[in-house]
Amino acid sequence: MLEGCATEPVPAIEAKGLQYDSRMLRPGEVFFAFPGERVDGHSFVPQALRSGAAAIVSESEAPSGLGSRWARVAHGRRALAQASLRFYERPDRDLCVTAVTGTNGKTTTAHVIDALQRSAGKTTALLGTIEHRVGPHAEKAVNTTPESLDVVRMLAQLREMGGTHATMEASSHALSLERIRGLDFHTAVFTNLTPDHLDYHGDMESYAAAKRRLFEGAGAKPPRFAVINADDATGRRFLRLRLSQAVSYGRGEAADVRPRRIELDERGMRFDVETPRGRIRAETPLVGEFNIDNLLAAVATAQCNGLDAREIEDGLRLVRQVPGRFESVDAGQPFLAVVDYAHTEDALRRLIKAARAVANRGRPPGRVLTLFGCGGDRDRSKRAPMGRAAGELSDFAILTSDNPRSEDPLRIIADVETGLRTGNAAWMIEADRAAAISAAVREARRGDVVLIAGKGHETTQALAAGTVAFDDRRAVRAALEEMGYEKR
């Protein structure tokens, strides 16, 4: 299983299974030990041996006496990816697998792609930020893209139940850490590239290079189809790679897949989609103009995956709101309250502009109130730009805590405040997120749009003292109930 990865001869050992988590290991399985984000898997080697590991795969030299049960490799995660594909007999080659990458829009795009496939009668898997689902079985996601072993296992489960299509979000971390190395993708989708994760990648060129790996093959052949946003500068660079059959989407005339006659209101969106295979009528309950791009990407991907116009049109009518993505909380109040995952400058700008379009339909037009913060122990360079976005585009901004983690929340807020001060919006600071949400709701008037940005679908908040239960949607509903609103 490790040919090409091992730096020394590999012992001939029968493996009953593979594991990288020593707590899950059963006798006869091979344990892969490699450095992780928080802990080093090598520290669990003794536990794995006590649990009956058949062998250890590691980047380190074998300890004395373990040579016959030790395989040394140059790259632990790369070895795990290769071994997983071999052990489970390449389920990726028996399925139509799509990967979606980009800074913003991955989750919604992947959800719409999967919804179109399921509407067309396919048995599918969806791996992403919110959950990992194989057929009817779902579990909460820990990472946007799981470790390679988990990805391959889920693909194998889908194949076993007779499934045909899998869609996954491919994060830049996953691409850098080889979590999807060697997978044969039928279609790869690129949404956009805006500043994020620069604490990890260092600069935008390195960030773009991580995304580009998906279109170059990431240890496998390039995907058969590449669906790429032609409105994005990095997307246009990817279109010039010419490694796959490229399908561009966007608002411009040069895009292969583009919208016409757009209508938006509180009931959703309606527009025509011009494609190389003819016109498709898009009618969907999704709201927010930014979702047009996500829908275009999904339509283009669905065509690459073999769906016809009727199947796509029928599926779009059935698409439901993605949790934590422009998700409204309705308790009968005379203003719109929306929870969204936007946590970059670009995503926040798109969110506020979408809210403005809704607020402007009122007579008189309503205001946009934006509650937001920035995560701790993450890229500090995006804090002031997020503050500037909220200050420039909102009528009223509430700066609060997001997931401060080990950082002082007030230090994070001070970083964001430098950008917020440059705008024209009225604003306030409330570090306690629940109190900030209550203040935002109480500030709202008839026809306003209240945006609760940053955490979206998340149900916890990471603080220095530990992780606590916290759901923005519940907090909004509780604040509305305190004001006497309660939809029955």
Protein backbone atom coordinates (compact mmCIF):
# COMPACT_ATOMS: atom_id res chain seq x y z
CA MET A 1 0.00 0.00 0.00
CA LEU A 2 2.95 2.33 0.52
CA GLU A 3 4.95 1.81 -2.64
CA GLY A 4 6.48 5.10 -3.70
CA CYS A 5 6.05 6.64 -0.24
CA ALA A 6 8.30 4.50 1.93
CA THR A 7 11.90 5.57 2.42
CA GLU A 8 12.92 2.06 3.49
CA PRO A 9 11.67 -1.47 2.66
CA VAL A 10 8.13 -1.97 3.94
CA PRO A 11 7.48 -4.99 6.17
CA ALA A 12 5.08 -7.55 4.68
CA ILE A 13 2.19 -7.31 7.14
CA GLU A 14 -1.47 -8.11 6.60
CA ALA A 15 -3.55 -5.06 7.48
CA LYS A 16 -7.12 -5.42 8.70
CA GLY A 17 -7.68 -1.71 8.54
CA LEU A 18 -6.13 1.74 8.73
CA GLN A 19 -6.27 4.35 11.49
CA TYR A 20 -4.70 7.70 12.36
CA ASP A 21 -6.64 8.05 15.65
CA SER A 22 -5.27 5.62 18.25
CA ARG A 23 -8.59 5.72 20.14
CA MET A 24 -10.33 4.11 17.17
CA LEU A 25 -7.69 1.48 16.46
CA ARG A 26 -8.56 -2.22 16.61
CA PRO A 27 -6.17 -5.17 16.70
CA GLY A 28 -4.57 -5.87 13.35
CA GLU A 29 -4.93 -2.35 11.96
CA VAL A 30 -2.10 -0.10 10.81
CA PHE A 31 -1.57 3.15 12.73
CA PHE A 32 -0.40 6.25 10.87
CA ALA A 33 1.50 8.65 13.13
CA PHE A 34 2.14 12.17 11.86
CA PRO A 35 2.21 15.70 13.33
CA GLY A 36 -1.22 17.30 13.66
CA GLU A 37 -2.40 20.85 14.17
CA ARG A 38 -2.53 20.53 17.96
CA VAL A 39 -0.86 17.23 18.87
CA ASP A 40 1.75 14.94 17.36
CA GLY A 41 0.45 11.50 16.49
CA HIS A 42 3.80 9.98 17.45
CA SER A 43 2.92 10.51 21.11
CA PHE A 44 0.14 7.93 20.68
CA VAL A 45 2.31 5.20 19.22
CA PRO A 46 2.66 3.37 22.58
CA GLN A 47 -1.12 3.37 22.98
CA ALA A 48 -1.55 2.07 19.42
CA LEU A 49 0.90 -0.76 20.06
CA ARG A 50 -0.89 -1.70 23.29
CA SER A 51 -4.16 -1.77 21.31
CA GLY A 52 -2.71 -4.34 18.91
CA ALA A 53 -1.54 -2.26 15.96
CA ALA A 54 -0.18 -4.50 13.21
CA ALA A 55 2.30 -1.83 12.18
CA ILE A 56 3.19 1.83 12.57
CA VAL A 57 3.66 4.20 9.62
CA SER A 58 5.75 7.24 10.51
CA GLU A 59 8.14 9.86 9.18
CA SER A 60 10.53 8.98 12.03
CA GLU A 61 13.06 6.21 12.35
CA ALA A 62 11.92 2.97 13.93
CA PRO A 63 12.61 2.67 17.67
CA SER A 64 14.80 -0.22 18.76
CA GLY A 65 13.02 -3.55 18.45
CA LEU A 66 10.17 -2.32 16.24
CA GLY A 67 11.80 -2.57 12.82
CA SER A 68 9.57 -5.43 11.71
CA ARG A 69 6.42 -3.45 12.53
CA TRP A 70 7.54 -0.02 11.40
CA ALA A 71 7.30 1.63 7.96
CA ARG A 72 9.17 4.88 7.56
CA VAL A 73 7.76 7.30 4.96
CA ALA A 74 8.78 10.72 3.73
CA HIS A 75 5.32 12.27 4.24
CA GLY A 76 2.82 10.77 6.67
CA ARG A 77 -0.36 12.33 5.31
CA ARG A 78 0.63 11.57 1.74
CA ALA A 79 1.24 7.95 2.72
CA LEU A 80 -2.15 7.80 4.46
CA ALA A 81 -3.89 9.10 1.35
CA GLN A 82 -2.19 6.56 -0.90
CA ALA A 83 -2.79 3.66 1.48
CA SER A 84 -6.46 4.61 1.93
CA LEU A 85 -7.11 4.57 -1.82
CA ARG A 86 -5.37 1.21 -2.19
CA PHE A 87 -7.05 -0.39 0.84
CA TYR A 88 -10.56 0.68 -0.23
CA GLU A 89 -9.93 -0.14 -3.90
CA ARG A 90 -10.29 3.31 -5.39
CA PRO A 91 -13.95 4.21 -4.74
CA ASP A 92 -13.31 7.60 -6.35
CA ARG A 93 -13.01 5.92 -9.74
CA ASP A 94 -16.45 4.33 -9.39
CA LEU A 95 -18.18 7.61 -8.53
CA CYS A 96 -18.70 11.06 -10.02
CA VAL A 97 -16.79 13.16 -7.47
CA THR A 98 -16.94 16.96 -7.44
CA ALA A 99 -14.73 19.26 -5.33
CA VAL A 100 -15.58 22.91 -4.67
CA THR A 101 -12.83 25.30 -3.59
CA GLY A 102 -12.59 29.07 -3.08
CA THR A 103 -12.74 31.59 -0.24
CA ASN A 104 -16.48 32.28 -0.21
CA GLY A 105 -19.49 30.35 -1.46
CA LYS A 106 -18.12 26.81 -1.13
CA THR A 107 -20.80 25.58 1.25
CA THR A 108 -23.81 26.96 -0.61
CA THR A 109 -22.45 25.88 -4.00
CA ALA A 110 -21.77 22.35 -2.77
CA HIS A 111 -25.22 22.13 -1.17
CA VAL A 112 -26.96 23.25 -4.36
CA ILE A 113 -24.94 20.80 -6.49
CA ASP A 114 -25.89 17.97 -4.15
CA ALA A 115 -29.54 19.08 -4.06
CA LEU A 116 -29.72 19.03 -7.87
CA GLN A 117 -28.22 15.53 -7.96
CA ARG A 118 -30.62 14.20 -5.33
CA SER A 119 -33.60 15.82 -7.05
CA ALA A 120 -32.58 13.92 -10.19
CA GLY A 121 -32.79 10.64 -8.26
CA LYS A 122 -29.11 10.13 -7.44
CA THR A 123 -27.87 8.61 -4.19
CA THR A 124 -25.20 11.05 -3.04
CA ALA A 125 -22.64 12.07 -0.44
CA LEU A 126 -21.94 15.63 0.70
CA LEU A 127 -18.80 16.48 2.68
CA GLY A 128 -18.47 20.04 3.90
CA THR A 129 -18.34 22.68 6.59
CA ILE A 130 -21.73 21.95 8.13
CA GLU A 131 -21.96 18.16 7.95
CA HIS A 132 -20.68 15.03 6.27
CA ARG A 133 -23.55 13.01 4.80
CA VAL A 134 -23.45 9.69 2.98
CA GLY A 135 -26.85 8.71 1.64
CA PRO A 136 -29.26 9.29 4.53
CA HIS A 137 -26.57 9.14 7.23
CA ALA A 138 -25.14 12.46 8.47
CA GLU A 139 -22.67 13.56 11.11
CA LYS A 140 -21.53 17.01 12.23
CA ALA A 141 -18.37 18.16 10.48
CA VAL A 142 -15.19 18.79 12.48
CA ASN A 143 -13.12 19.96 9.50
CA THR A 144 -14.44 21.35 6.22
CA THR A 145 -12.50 18.59 4.46
CA PRO A 146 -11.84 15.45 6.55
CA GLU A 147 -8.56 13.53 6.63
CA SER A 148 -7.95 11.44 3.53
CA LEU A 149 -8.81 8.17 5.26
CA ASP A 150 -12.22 9.51 6.29
CA VAL A 151 -12.89 10.89 2.81
CA VAL A 152 -12.07 7.58 1.15
CA ARG A 153 -14.07 5.59 3.72
CA MET A 154 -17.14 7.71 3.05
CA LEU A 155 -16.72 7.33 -0.69
CA ALA A 156 -16.44 3.58 -0.20
CA GLN A 157 -19.63 3.61 1.90
CA LEU A 158 -21.43 5.52 -0.85
CA ARG A 159 -20.28 3.01 -3.46
CA GLU A 160 -21.42 0.13 -1.25
CA MET A 161 -24.95 1.53 -0.99
CA GLY A 162 -25.16 1.98 -4.76
CA GLY A 163 -24.49 5.71 -4.78
CA THR A 164 -23.16 7.56 -7.77
CA HIS A 165 -22.32 11.19 -6.94
CA ALA A 166 -20.22 12.81 -4.21
CA THR A 167 -19.64 16.52 -3.65
CA MET A 168 -17.10 17.94 -1.22
CA GLU A 169 -15.71 21.26 -0.14
CA ALA A 170 -11.95 21.38 -0.66
CA SER A 171 -10.36 23.87 1.71
CA SER A 172 -6.92 25.35 1.12
CA HIS A 173 -5.74 23.70 4.34
CA ALA A 174 -6.87 20.31 3.05
CA LEU A 175 -5.07 20.83 -0.24
CA SER A 176 -1.88 21.89 1.53
CA LEU A 177 -2.08 19.03 4.02
CA GLU A 178 -2.66 16.37 1.32
CA ARG A 179 -6.10 15.38 2.63
CA ILE A 180 -7.41 14.83 -0.88
CA ARG A 181 -4.17 13.79 -2.52
CA GLY A 182 -4.52 11.21 -5.27
CA LEU A 183 -8.31 11.45 -5.62
CA ASP A 184 -9.64 11.39 -9.17
CA PHE A 185 -12.12 14.24 -9.44
CA HIS A 186 -14.67 14.34 -12.22
CA THR A 187 -15.28 18.08 -11.71
CA ALA A 188 -13.46 20.81 -9.79
CA VAL A 189 -15.16 24.13 -9.03
CA PHE A 190 -13.52 27.46 -8.17
CA THR A 191 -15.68 30.20 -6.61
CA ASN A 192 -13.32 33.10 -5.84
CA LEU A 193 -10.19 34.13 -3.94
CA THR A 194 -10.20 36.96 -1.41
CA PRO A 195 -7.95 37.56 1.63
CA ASP A 196 -8.35 34.85 4.28
CA HIS A 197 -6.16 32.30 6.06
CA LEU A 198 -3.06 34.42 5.47
CA ASP A 199 -1.88 33.50 8.95
CA TYR A 200 -1.47 29.98 7.51
CA HIS A 201 -0.49 30.61 3.87
CA GLY A 202 1.56 33.78 4.40
CA ASP A 203 0.47 35.68 1.28
CA MET A 204 -2.14 35.63 -1.46
CA GLU A 205 0.15 33.93 -3.99
CA SER A 206 0.69 30.99 -1.65
CA TYR A 207 -3.03 30.90 -0.90
CA ALA A 208 -3.80 30.82 -4.63
CA ALA A 209 -1.15 28.13 -5.19
CA ALA A 210 -2.89 25.89 -2.64
CA LYS A 211 -6.18 26.27 -4.53
CA ARG A 212 -4.50 25.71 -7.88
CA ARG A 213 -3.36 22.25 -6.77
CA LEU A 214 -6.91 20.99 -7.16
CA PHE A 215 -6.92 21.92 -10.85
CA GLU A 216 -3.44 20.52 -11.44
CA GLY A 217 -4.48 17.16 -10.02
CA ALA A 218 -3.22 17.18 -6.39
CA GLY A 219 -1.28 13.96 -6.88
CA ALA A 220 -3.69 12.56 -9.48
CA LYS A 221 -4.63 13.46 -13.01
CA PRO A 222 -6.35 16.84 -13.48
CA PRO A 223 -10.15 16.74 -13.18
CA ARG A 224 -12.13 16.05 -16.31
CA PHE A 225 -14.03 19.36 -15.95
CA ALA A 226 -13.02 22.66 -14.35
CA VAL A 227 -15.90 25.03 -13.52
CA ILE A 228 -14.35 28.44 -12.82
CA ASN A 229 -15.58 31.92 -11.91
CA ALA A 230 -14.48 34.15 -14.80
CA ASP A 231 -15.34 37.30 -12.81
CA ASP A 232 -12.52 36.55 -10.36
CA ALA A 233 -8.92 37.50 -11.23
CA THR A 234 -7.50 34.24 -9.87
CA GLY A 235 -10.25 32.35 -11.68
CA ARG A 236 -9.14 33.86 -14.97
CA ARG A 237 -5.60 32.68 -14.24
CA PHE A 238 -6.91 29.17 -13.57
CA LEU A 239 -8.82 29.23 -16.87
CA ARG A 240 -5.49 29.66 -18.64
CA LEU A 241 -4.14 26.39 -17.18
CA ARG A 242 -6.03 24.42 -19.86
CA LEU A 243 -5.50 21.13 -18.03
CA SER A 244 -9.20 20.19 -18.03
CA GLN A 245 -12.29 20.90 -20.09
CA ALA A 246 -13.02 24.35 -18.70
CA VAL A 247 -16.48 25.85 -18.22
CA SER A 248 -16.51 29.48 -17.10
CA TYR A 249 -19.36 31.15 -15.27
CA GLY A 250 -20.00 34.76 -14.29
CA ARG A 251 -21.91 37.93 -15.00
CA GLY A 252 -19.85 38.98 -18.04
CA GLU A 253 -20.65 38.27 -21.68
CA ALA A 254 -17.55 36.13 -22.12
CA ALA A 255 -18.65 33.55 -19.52
CA ASP A 256 -19.97 30.23 -20.79
CA VAL A 257 -22.69 30.19 -18.13
CA ARG A 258 -24.22 33.60 -17.34
CA PRO A 259 -27.51 35.07 -16.00
CA ARG A 260 -30.17 37.08 -17.82
CA ARG A 261 -33.24 39.05 -16.63
CA ILE A 262 -32.62 38.74 -12.90
CA GLU A 263 -35.55 39.23 -10.51
CA LEU A 264 -35.03 39.22 -6.74
CA ASP A 265 -37.43 39.64 -3.84
CA GLU A 266 -38.15 38.18 -0.41
CA ARG A 267 -39.57 35.04 -2.08
CA GLY A 268 -36.30 34.17 -3.82
CA MET A 269 -34.75 34.67 -7.24
CA ARG A 270 -35.79 34.13 -10.81
CA PHE A 271 -33.54 34.46 -13.85
CA ASP A 272 -32.53 32.76 -17.08
CA VAL A 273 -29.18 31.00 -17.35
CA GLU A 274 -27.49 31.01 -20.74
CA THR A 275 -25.31 27.92 -21.16
CA PRO A 276 -23.45 26.22 -24.04
CA ARG A 277 -26.24 23.62 -24.00
CA GLY A 278 -29.13 26.06 -24.12
CA ARG A 279 -31.16 28.23 -21.78
CA ILE A 280 -32.19 27.12 -18.30
CA ARG A 281 -34.85 28.84 -16.21
CA ALA A 282 -33.69 29.30 -12.62
CA GLU A 283 -36.41 29.76 -10.03
CA THR A 284 -35.26 29.26 -6.46
CA PRO A 285 -36.28 30.25 -2.93
CA LEU A 286 -32.68 31.25 -2.15
CA VAL A 287 -32.30 34.97 -1.45
CA GLY A 288 -29.32 37.32 -1.64
CA GLU A 289 -27.81 38.51 -4.91
CA PHE A 290 -24.47 36.89 -4.05
CA ASN A 291 -26.20 33.52 -4.41
CA ILE A 292 -26.52 34.09 -8.15
CA ASP A 293 -22.83 33.22 -8.49
CA ASN A 294 -23.28 30.08 -6.39
CA LEU A 295 -26.25 29.01 -8.50
CA LEU A 296 -24.38 29.60 -11.76
CA ALA A 297 -21.53 27.42 -10.49
CA ALA A 298 -23.99 24.69 -9.50
CA VAL A 299 -25.81 24.78 -12.85
CA ALA A 300 -22.53 24.53 -14.76
CA THR A 301 -21.42 21.64 -12.56
CA ALA A 302 -24.73 19.83 -12.91
CA GLN A 303 -24.35 19.96 -16.70
CA CYS A 304 -20.80 18.58 -16.42
CA ASN A 305 -22.21 15.80 -14.25
CA GLY A 306 -24.74 14.82 -16.91
CA LEU A 307 -27.98 16.41 -15.69
CA ASP A 308 -30.29 17.80 -18.36
CA ALA A 309 -32.14 21.12 -18.37
CA ARG A 310 -35.39 19.73 -16.97
CA GLU A 311 -33.62 17.99 -14.08
CA ILE A 312 -31.72 21.18 -13.23
CA GLU A 313 -34.82 23.39 -13.39
CA ASP A 314 -36.84 21.00 -11.23
CA GLY A 315 -34.01 20.74 -8.72
CA LEU A 316 -33.53 24.50 -8.39
CA ARG A 317 -37.18 24.91 -7.38
CA LEU A 318 -36.61 22.47 -4.52
CA VAL A 319 -33.35 23.93 -3.19
CA ARG A 320 -33.69 24.94 0.45
CA GLN A 321 -31.86 27.55 2.49
CA VAL A 322 -28.42 26.38 3.62
CA PRO A 323 -28.10 26.57 7.43
CA GLY A 324 -26.37 29.76 8.53
CA ARG A 325 -26.21 31.24 5.02
CA PHE A 326 -28.52 34.28 4.83
CA GLU A 327 -30.81 32.34 7.13
CA SER A 328 -33.72 34.39 8.42
CA VAL A 329 -35.09 34.15 11.95
CA ASP A 330 -38.79 34.95 11.90
CA ALA A 331 -40.76 35.52 15.09
CA GLY A 332 -43.32 37.82 13.49
CA GLN A 333 -41.19 40.98 13.94
CA PRO A 334 -41.63 43.87 11.45
CA PHE A 335 -37.99 43.70 10.32
CA LEU A 336 -35.78 41.01 8.82
CA ALA A 337 -33.22 39.27 11.03
CA VAL A 338 -30.58 37.27 9.16
CA VAL A 339 -27.80 34.98 10.39
CA ASP A 340 -24.86 34.45 8.04
CA TYR A 341 -21.40 32.87 8.11
CA ALA A 342 -19.65 35.86 6.44
CA HIS A 343 -16.25 36.17 8.11
CA THR A 344 -14.06 37.82 5.48
CA GLU A 345 -14.13 41.36 4.12
CA ASP A 346 -15.42 40.25 0.72
CA ALA A 347 -18.14 38.03 2.20
CA LEU A 348 -19.22 40.78 4.58
CA ARG A 349 -19.44 43.32 1.76
CA ARG A 350 -21.52 40.94 -0.35
CA LEU A 351 -23.79 40.22 2.61
CA ILE A 352 -24.41 43.87 3.43
CA LYS A 353 -25.07 44.72 -0.23
CA ALA A 354 -27.60 41.89 -0.43
CA ALA A 355 -29.27 43.20 2.73
CA ARG A 356 -29.31 46.71 1.29
CA ALA A 357 -31.19 45.46 -1.76
CA VAL A 358 -33.85 44.02 0.56
CA ALA A 359 -34.02 47.12 2.77
CA ASN A 360 -34.36 49.44 -0.23
CA ARG A 361 -37.58 47.73 -1.30
CA GLY A 362 -39.36 49.22 1.71
CA ARG A 363 -41.32 52.47 1.58
CA PRO A 364 -39.55 54.26 3.11
CA PRO A 365 -36.36 52.22 2.68
CA GLY A 366 -35.15 50.43 5.78
CA ARG A 367 -31.72 50.51 7.39
CA VAL A 368 -29.03 47.82 7.48
CA LEU A 369 -27.75 46.97 10.96
CA THR A 370 -24.64 44.78 10.96
CA LEU A 371 -23.37 42.82 13.95
CA PHE A 372 -19.95 41.23 13.43
CA GLY A 373 -16.57 40.39 14.95
CA CYS A 374 -13.35 38.58 14.06
CA GLY A 375 -11.94 35.27 15.24
CA GLY A 376 -9.01 35.06 17.61
CA ASP A 377 -5.75 33.21 16.92
CA ARG A 378 -6.33 33.78 13.22
CA ASP A 379 -5.26 36.19 10.48
CA ARG A 380 -5.09 39.68 12.05
CA SER A 381 -4.68 41.38 8.67
CA LYS A 382 -8.36 40.96 7.80
CA ARG A 383 -9.69 42.64 10.95
CA ALA A 384 -9.43 46.31 9.99
CA PRO A 385 -10.72 45.65 6.42
CA MET A 386 -13.78 43.90 7.88
CA GLY A 387 -14.37 46.90 10.14
CA ARG A 388 -14.03 49.20 7.15
CA ALA A 389 -16.56 47.16 5.16
CA ALA A 390 -19.13 47.35 7.95
CA GLY A 391 -18.50 51.05 8.52
CA GLU A 392 -18.76 51.98 4.86
CA LEU A 393 -21.84 49.95 3.91
CA SER A 394 -24.00 49.71 7.05
CA ASP A 395 -26.27 52.30 8.64
CA PHE A 396 -25.46 51.00 12.11
CA ALA A 397 -22.74 48.54 13.16
CA ILE A 398 -22.37 46.53 16.35
CA LEU A 399 -18.83 45.27 16.94
CA THR A 400 -18.66 42.21 19.18
CA SER A 401 -16.81 38.94 19.80
CA ASP A 402 -16.78 36.09 17.31
CA ASN A 403 -14.68 33.11 18.47
CA PRO A 404 -11.92 34.87 20.44
CA ARG A 405 -10.26 31.59 21.37
CA SER A 406 -7.15 32.33 23.47
CA GLU A 407 -6.95 36.03 22.52
CA ASP A 408 -8.27 38.92 24.59
CA PRO A 409 -11.61 39.83 22.95
CA LEU A 410 -10.96 43.53 23.54
CA ARG A 411 -7.66 43.35 21.66
CA ILE A 412 -9.44 41.80 18.66
CA ILE A 413 -12.13 44.46 18.85
CA ALA A 414 -9.47 47.19 18.93
CA ASP A 415 -7.92 45.81 15.73
CA VAL A 416 -11.32 45.83 13.99
CA GLU A 417 -12.22 49.25 15.36
CA THR A 418 -9.43 50.97 13.39
CA GLY A 419 -11.23 50.08 10.17
CA LEU A 420 -14.72 50.71 11.51
CA ARG A 421 -13.81 54.30 12.42
CA THR A 422 -13.12 55.15 8.76
CA GLY A 423 -16.74 54.60 7.72
CA ASN A 424 -19.80 56.78 8.09
CA ALA A 425 -22.00 54.31 9.99
CA ALA A 426 -23.07 54.88 13.55
CA TRP A 427 -21.64 52.11 15.70
CA MET A 428 -21.26 50.63 19.15
CA ILE A 429 -19.11 48.04 20.88
CA GLU A 430 -20.47 45.20 23.03
CA ALA A 431 -17.98 42.40 23.65
CA ASP A 432 -20.62 39.98 24.97
CA ARG A 433 -22.13 38.44 21.82
CA ALA A 434 -25.52 37.60 23.37
CA ALA A 435 -25.88 41.16 24.73
CA ALA A 436 -24.77 42.54 21.34
CA ILE A 437 -27.42 40.51 19.53
CA SER A 438 -30.06 41.75 21.95
CA ALA A 439 -28.91 45.34 21.35
CA ALA A 440 -29.03 44.89 17.56
CA VAL A 441 -32.56 43.52 17.66
CA ARG A 442 -33.76 46.30 19.98
CA GLU A 443 -32.25 48.94 17.72
CA ALA A 444 -34.17 47.66 14.68
CA ARG A 445 -37.22 49.45 13.30
CA ARG A 446 -39.92 48.43 10.82
CA GLY A 447 -38.40 47.61 7.42
CA ASP A 448 -34.81 47.29 8.69
CA VAL A 449 -32.51 44.35 8.03
CA VAL A 450 -30.47 43.06 10.98
CA LEU A 451 -27.41 41.04 9.98
CA ILE A 452 -25.78 38.73 12.50
CA ALA A 453 -22.53 37.84 10.75
CA GLY A 454 -19.58 35.56 11.33
CA LYS A 455 -20.72 32.31 12.92
CA GLY A 456 -23.64 31.18 10.79
CA HIS A 457 -24.45 27.53 11.44
CA GLU A 458 -22.05 27.17 14.37
CA THR A 459 -23.55 26.03 17.66
CA THR A 460 -20.59 26.81 19.93
CA GLN A 461 -18.33 29.73 20.78
CA ALA A 462 -14.61 29.22 21.42
CA LEU A 463 -13.38 31.24 24.40
CA ALA A 464 -10.11 31.25 26.33
CA ALA A 465 -11.82 29.37 29.16
CA GLY A 466 -13.14 26.70 26.79
CA THR A 467 -15.89 26.06 24.27
CA VAL A 468 -19.44 26.95 25.26
CA ALA A 469 -22.80 26.36 23.61
CA PHE A 470 -23.83 29.34 21.49
CA ASP A 471 -26.05 29.53 18.43
CA ASP A 472 -26.68 32.93 16.84
CA ARG A 473 -30.09 31.78 15.64
CA ARG A 474 -31.17 30.84 19.15
CA ALA A 475 -29.77 34.09 20.53
CA VAL A 476 -31.73 36.13 17.97
CA ARG A 477 -34.92 34.23 18.71
CA ALA A 478 -34.43 34.69 22.46
CA ALA A 479 -33.92 38.44 21.98
CA LEU A 480 -37.06 38.66 19.84
CA GLU A 481 -39.08 36.78 22.43
CA GLU A 482 -37.88 39.21 25.11
CA MET A 483 -39.37 41.98 22.96
CA GLY A 484 -42.68 40.12 22.80
CA TYR A 485 -42.38 38.54 19.36
CA GLU A 486 -43.12 34.86 19.04
CA LYS A 487 -44.34 33.34 15.80
CA ARG A 488 -46.70 30.45 16.44
